[in-house]
Amino acid sequence: MKLRSMQLLVDDTGGIIMGKGRMDILDSIDRTGSINKTAKEMGMSYKSVWSKIKSTEKHFGKPVVHADRVRGSRLTDEGRGLLEAYRELNRRCMKADDAIFDDIFSQIS
């Protein structure tokens, strides 16, 4: 048995700012250089991917993706920083969650 936890950055109304899905979108854009390829890869519409990016940018207050018809799409420095910060948040939360889980459930086993 193991614990599965999830970290979501949300606004005051519960709207998602950053989560695993947004992380996957940003990773895909970084890898493919294309919002369209990202949408196809993730089984989403272009509009849906773009909407999620714009929502994250709105709440973060900075552009996270730069879309250029000639050079393609790429993460901004801020987008890369957000991705790295979210990964670090996940890493630290999972480490703490695992320790708490082990402490509680080792007494049951």
N, C-alpha and C. Protein backbone atom coordinates (compact mmCIF):
# COMPACT_ATOMS: atom_id res chain seq x y z
N MET A 1 0.85 -1.16 0.00
CA MET A 1 0.00 0.00 0.00
C MET A 1 0.90 1.24 0.00
N LYS A 2 0.50 2.24 -0.79
CA LYS A 2 1.23 3.49 -0.80
C LYS A 2 0.27 4.65 -0.98
N LEU A 3 0.75 5.82 -0.69
CA LEU A 3 -0.05 7.03 -0.76
C LEU A 3 0.12 7.70 -2.11
N ARG A 4 -0.98 8.20 -2.63
CA ARG A 4 -0.93 9.02 -3.84
C ARG A 4 -1.55 10.37 -3.48
N SER A 5 -0.76 11.41 -3.57
CA SER A 5 -1.29 12.74 -3.28
C SER A 5 -1.06 13.65 -4.47
N MET A 6 -1.79 14.73 -4.48
CA MET A 6 -1.72 15.64 -5.61
C MET A 6 -1.70 17.08 -5.09
N GLN A 7 -0.87 17.88 -5.68
CA GLN A 7 -0.81 19.29 -5.31
C GLN A 7 -1.40 20.12 -6.44
N LEU A 8 -2.33 20.97 -6.09
CA LEU A 8 -2.93 21.90 -7.04
C LEU A 8 -2.76 23.31 -6.49
N LEU A 9 -2.29 24.20 -7.32
CA LEU A 9 -2.28 25.61 -6.97
C LEU A 9 -3.60 26.16 -7.49
N VAL A 10 -4.40 26.72 -6.59
CA VAL A 10 -5.72 27.22 -6.97
C VAL A 10 -5.89 28.67 -6.53
N ASP A 11 -6.83 29.35 -7.18
CA ASP A 11 -7.15 30.72 -6.78
C ASP A 11 -8.22 30.70 -5.69
N ASP A 12 -8.69 31.86 -5.31
CA ASP A 12 -9.67 31.97 -4.22
C ASP A 12 -10.99 31.29 -4.53
N THR A 13 -11.28 31.08 -5.81
CA THR A 13 -12.54 30.43 -6.18
C THR A 13 -12.36 28.94 -6.48
N GLY A 14 -11.14 28.44 -6.32
CA GLY A 14 -10.87 27.04 -6.60
C GLY A 14 -10.43 26.77 -8.02
N GLY A 15 -10.28 27.83 -8.82
CA GLY A 15 -9.80 27.66 -10.20
C GLY A 15 -8.35 27.23 -10.21
N ILE A 16 -8.03 26.28 -11.05
CA ILE A 16 -6.66 25.75 -11.10
C ILE A 16 -5.71 26.73 -11.76
N ILE A 17 -4.62 26.99 -11.07
CA ILE A 17 -3.54 27.81 -11.60
C ILE A 17 -2.45 26.89 -12.13
N MET A 18 -2.13 25.85 -11.36
CA MET A 18 -1.09 24.90 -11.76
C MET A 18 -1.37 23.56 -11.10
N GLY A 19 -1.22 22.52 -11.88
CA GLY A 19 -1.38 21.15 -11.41
C GLY A 19 -0.63 20.22 -12.35
N LYS A 20 -0.81 18.94 -12.17
CA LYS A 20 -0.08 17.98 -13.02
C LYS A 20 -0.43 18.16 -14.50
N GLY A 21 -1.69 18.40 -14.79
CA GLY A 21 -2.09 18.59 -16.19
C GLY A 21 -1.42 19.80 -16.82
N ARG A 22 -1.36 20.90 -16.09
CA ARG A 22 -0.70 22.10 -16.61
C ARG A 22 0.80 21.85 -16.75
N MET A 23 1.36 21.09 -15.79
CA MET A 23 2.78 20.75 -15.88
C MET A 23 3.03 19.93 -17.16
N ASP A 24 2.15 18.97 -17.43
CA ASP A 24 2.30 18.14 -18.64
C ASP A 24 2.19 19.00 -19.90
N ILE A 25 1.28 19.97 -19.90
CA ILE A 25 1.14 20.87 -21.05
C ILE A 25 2.43 21.65 -21.27
N LEU A 26 2.95 22.24 -20.20
CA LEU A 26 4.18 23.03 -20.34
C LEU A 26 5.36 22.16 -20.75
N ASP A 27 5.45 20.97 -20.20
CA ASP A 27 6.52 20.04 -20.60
C ASP A 27 6.43 19.71 -22.09
N SER A 28 5.21 19.45 -22.56
CA SER A 28 5.01 19.10 -23.96
C SER A 28 5.36 20.27 -24.88
N ILE A 29 4.94 21.47 -24.51
CA ILE A 29 5.28 22.65 -25.32
C ILE A 29 6.79 22.83 -25.36
N ASP A 30 7.43 22.63 -24.23
CA ASP A 30 8.89 22.76 -24.16
C ASP A 30 9.57 21.74 -25.07
N ARG A 31 9.02 20.53 -25.10
CA ARG A 31 9.61 19.45 -25.89
C ARG A 31 9.29 19.58 -27.38
N THR A 32 8.03 19.91 -27.71
CA THR A 32 7.60 19.91 -29.11
C THR A 32 7.74 21.27 -29.80
N GLY A 33 7.74 22.34 -28.99
CA GLY A 33 7.78 23.68 -29.56
C GLY A 33 6.48 24.07 -30.25
N SER A 34 5.39 23.40 -29.87
CA SER A 34 4.13 23.64 -30.56
C SER A 34 2.93 23.41 -29.64
N ILE A 35 2.03 24.38 -29.61
CA ILE A 35 0.79 24.21 -28.87
C ILE A 35 -0.09 23.20 -29.60
N ASN A 36 -0.11 23.25 -30.91
CA ASN A 36 -0.91 22.32 -31.71
C ASN A 36 -0.46 20.87 -31.49
N LYS A 37 0.84 20.62 -31.53
CA LYS A 37 1.35 19.27 -31.30
C LYS A 37 1.04 18.82 -29.88
N THR A 38 1.14 19.75 -28.94
CA THR A 38 0.81 19.45 -27.54
C THR A 38 -0.64 19.03 -27.43
N ALA A 39 -1.53 19.79 -28.07
CA ALA A 39 -2.96 19.47 -28.02
C ALA A 39 -3.21 18.06 -28.57
N LYS A 40 -2.62 17.75 -29.72
CA LYS A 40 -2.80 16.43 -30.33
C LYS A 40 -2.24 15.33 -29.43
N GLU A 41 -1.05 15.58 -28.89
CA GLU A 41 -0.39 14.60 -28.03
C GLU A 41 -1.23 14.30 -26.78
N MET A 42 -1.92 15.32 -26.28
CA MET A 42 -2.68 15.16 -25.04
C MET A 42 -4.16 14.84 -25.28
N GLY A 43 -4.55 14.75 -26.55
CA GLY A 43 -5.94 14.45 -26.87
C GLY A 43 -6.88 15.58 -26.50
N MET A 44 -6.40 16.81 -26.65
CA MET A 44 -7.19 17.99 -26.32
C MET A 44 -7.28 18.87 -27.56
N SER A 45 -8.20 19.81 -27.51
CA SER A 45 -8.27 20.78 -28.61
C SER A 45 -7.21 21.86 -28.39
N TYR A 46 -6.82 22.49 -29.47
CA TYR A 46 -5.89 23.62 -29.39
C TYR A 46 -6.45 24.68 -28.46
N LYS A 47 -7.75 24.96 -28.64
CA LYS A 47 -8.41 26.00 -27.84
C LYS A 47 -8.36 25.67 -26.35
N SER A 48 -8.54 24.42 -25.99
CA SER A 48 -8.51 24.01 -24.59
C SER A 48 -7.11 24.18 -23.99
N VAL A 49 -6.09 23.78 -24.73
CA VAL A 49 -4.71 23.94 -24.25
C VAL A 49 -4.40 25.42 -24.09
N TRP A 50 -4.74 26.22 -25.10
CA TRP A 50 -4.46 27.65 -25.05
C TRP A 50 -5.20 28.31 -23.89
N SER A 51 -6.43 27.88 -23.64
CA SER A 51 -7.23 28.42 -22.55
C SER A 51 -6.58 28.13 -21.19
N LYS A 52 -6.06 26.94 -21.03
CA LYS A 52 -5.40 26.58 -19.77
C LYS A 52 -4.12 27.39 -19.59
N ILE A 53 -3.38 27.61 -20.66
CA ILE A 53 -2.18 28.43 -20.59
C ILE A 53 -2.56 29.86 -20.18
N LYS A 54 -3.55 30.42 -20.84
CA LYS A 54 -3.97 31.79 -20.56
C LYS A 54 -4.47 31.93 -19.12
N SER A 55 -5.19 30.94 -18.64
CA SER A 55 -5.68 30.97 -17.26
C SER A 55 -4.51 30.98 -16.27
N THR A 56 -3.52 30.15 -16.52
CA THR A 56 -2.34 30.12 -15.65
C THR A 56 -1.62 31.44 -15.72
N GLU A 57 -1.47 32.00 -16.90
CA GLU A 57 -0.80 33.29 -17.05
C GLU A 57 -1.55 34.39 -16.32
N LYS A 58 -2.85 34.36 -16.40
CA LYS A 58 -3.67 35.37 -15.73
C LYS A 58 -3.43 35.35 -14.22
N HIS A 59 -3.46 34.18 -13.64
CA HIS A 59 -3.28 34.06 -12.20
C HIS A 59 -1.84 34.26 -11.77
N PHE A 60 -0.89 33.84 -12.61
CA PHE A 60 0.53 33.99 -12.29
C PHE A 60 0.96 35.43 -12.50
N GLY A 61 0.25 36.12 -13.39
CA GLY A 61 0.55 37.53 -13.65
C GLY A 61 1.70 37.76 -14.62
N LYS A 62 2.12 36.70 -15.29
CA LYS A 62 3.22 36.81 -16.25
C LYS A 62 3.00 35.80 -17.37
N PRO A 63 3.54 36.08 -18.55
CA PRO A 63 3.42 35.09 -19.63
C PRO A 63 4.29 33.87 -19.33
N VAL A 64 3.74 32.70 -19.54
CA VAL A 64 4.51 31.48 -19.32
C VAL A 64 4.87 30.79 -20.65
N VAL A 65 4.15 31.14 -21.71
CA VAL A 65 4.42 30.59 -23.04
C VAL A 65 4.47 31.75 -24.03
N HIS A 66 5.46 31.69 -24.91
CA HIS A 66 5.54 32.67 -26.00
C HIS A 66 5.22 31.91 -27.29
N ALA A 67 4.14 32.30 -27.94
CA ALA A 67 3.73 31.66 -29.19
C ALA A 67 4.14 32.56 -30.35
N ASP A 68 4.86 31.98 -31.29
CA ASP A 68 5.37 32.71 -32.45
C ASP A 68 5.09 31.86 -33.68
N ARG A 69 4.35 32.39 -34.63
CA ARG A 69 3.98 31.62 -35.83
C ARG A 69 5.20 31.18 -36.64
N VAL A 70 6.28 31.92 -36.55
CA VAL A 70 7.48 31.59 -37.31
C VAL A 70 8.38 30.62 -36.54
N ARG A 71 8.66 30.95 -35.29
CA ARG A 71 9.61 30.15 -34.51
C ARG A 71 8.94 29.10 -33.63
N GLY A 72 7.63 29.06 -33.60
CA GLY A 72 6.93 28.08 -32.77
C GLY A 72 6.70 28.61 -31.36
N SER A 73 6.28 27.75 -30.50
CA SER A 73 5.98 28.13 -29.12
C SER A 73 7.09 27.65 -28.20
N ARG A 74 7.32 28.43 -27.16
CA ARG A 74 8.35 28.06 -26.19
C ARG A 74 8.00 28.65 -24.83
N LEU A 75 8.54 28.06 -23.80
CA LEU A 75 8.33 28.58 -22.46
C LEU A 75 9.13 29.85 -22.27
N THR A 76 8.54 30.80 -21.59
CA THR A 76 9.28 32.00 -21.20
C THR A 76 10.14 31.63 -19.99
N ASP A 77 11.03 32.52 -19.60
CA ASP A 77 11.82 32.29 -18.39
C ASP A 77 10.90 32.11 -17.19
N GLU A 78 9.82 32.91 -17.16
CA GLU A 78 8.86 32.80 -16.07
C GLU A 78 8.14 31.45 -16.10
N GLY A 79 7.81 30.99 -17.29
CA GLY A 79 7.16 29.68 -17.43
C GLY A 79 8.07 28.56 -16.98
N ARG A 80 9.33 28.65 -17.36
CA ARG A 80 10.31 27.65 -16.94
C ARG A 80 10.47 27.68 -15.41
N GLY A 81 10.49 28.90 -14.86
CA GLY A 81 10.61 29.05 -13.41
C GLY A 81 9.40 28.47 -12.68
N LEU A 82 8.20 28.70 -13.22
CA LEU A 82 6.98 28.16 -12.63
C LEU A 82 7.02 26.63 -12.66
N LEU A 83 7.45 26.08 -13.77
CA LEU A 83 7.53 24.62 -13.92
C LEU A 83 8.52 24.04 -12.91
N GLU A 84 9.67 24.66 -12.76
CA GLU A 84 10.68 24.18 -11.81
C GLU A 84 10.17 24.31 -10.37
N ALA A 85 9.52 25.43 -10.06
CA ALA A 85 8.99 25.65 -8.71
C ALA A 85 7.90 24.61 -8.39
N TYR A 86 7.04 24.32 -9.36
CA TYR A 86 5.98 23.34 -9.14
C TYR A 86 6.58 21.94 -8.94
N ARG A 87 7.59 21.60 -9.71
CA ARG A 87 8.26 20.30 -9.52
C ARG A 87 8.87 20.20 -8.13
N GLU A 88 9.49 21.29 -7.67
CA GLU A 88 10.09 21.30 -6.33
C GLU A 88 9.01 21.18 -5.26
N LEU A 89 7.89 21.86 -5.45
CA LEU A 89 6.76 21.73 -4.53
C LEU A 89 6.32 20.28 -4.45
N ASN A 90 6.14 19.65 -5.61
CA ASN A 90 5.73 18.24 -5.64
C ASN A 90 6.74 17.35 -4.92
N ARG A 91 8.01 17.57 -5.20
CA ARG A 91 9.06 16.74 -4.59
C ARG A 91 9.02 16.86 -3.07
N ARG A 92 8.95 18.08 -2.57
CA ARG A 92 8.94 18.28 -1.12
C ARG A 92 7.66 17.75 -0.48
N CYS A 93 6.53 17.98 -1.12
CA CYS A 93 5.26 17.49 -0.57
C CYS A 93 5.25 15.96 -0.54
N MET A 94 5.72 15.34 -1.59
CA MET A 94 5.73 13.87 -1.62
C MET A 94 6.66 13.31 -0.54
N LYS A 95 7.79 13.95 -0.34
CA LYS A 95 8.72 13.51 0.71
C LYS A 95 8.04 13.61 2.07
N ALA A 96 7.39 14.73 2.35
CA ALA A 96 6.69 14.90 3.63
C ALA A 96 5.51 13.94 3.73
N ASP A 97 4.74 13.80 2.65
CA ASP A 97 3.59 12.89 2.66
C ASP A 97 4.04 11.45 2.92
N ASP A 98 5.14 11.04 2.28
CA ASP A 98 5.65 9.67 2.48
C ASP A 98 6.05 9.45 3.93
N ALA A 99 6.71 10.43 4.54
CA ALA A 99 7.13 10.30 5.93
C ALA A 99 5.92 10.19 6.86
N ILE A 100 4.92 11.03 6.64
CA ILE A 100 3.70 10.98 7.45
C ILE A 100 2.98 9.65 7.26
N PHE A 101 2.86 9.22 6.01
CA PHE A 101 2.21 7.95 5.71
C PHE A 101 2.92 6.80 6.41
N ASP A 102 4.24 6.75 6.28
CA ASP A 102 5.02 5.69 6.93
C ASP A 102 4.84 5.71 8.44
N ASP A 103 4.84 6.90 9.03
CA ASP A 103 4.69 7.03 10.47
C ASP A 103 3.33 6.49 10.93
N ILE A 104 2.29 6.82 10.21
CA ILE A 104 0.94 6.41 10.61
C ILE A 104 0.68 4.95 10.29
N PHE A 105 0.99 4.52 9.08
CA PHE A 105 0.60 3.18 8.65
C PHE A 105 1.60 2.09 9.03
N SER A 106 2.80 2.46 9.44
CA SER A 106 3.74 1.42 9.90
C SER A 106 3.26 0.81 11.19
N GLN A 107 2.43 1.51 11.94
CA GLN A 107 1.87 1.00 13.19
C GLN A 107 0.77 -0.01 12.94
N ILE A 108 0.19 0.01 11.76
CA ILE A 108 -0.91 -0.89 11.43
C ILE A 108 -0.39 -2.19 10.85
N SER A 109 0.68 -2.12 10.10
CA SER A 109 1.19 -3.31 9.39
C SER A 109 1.77 -4.35 10.31
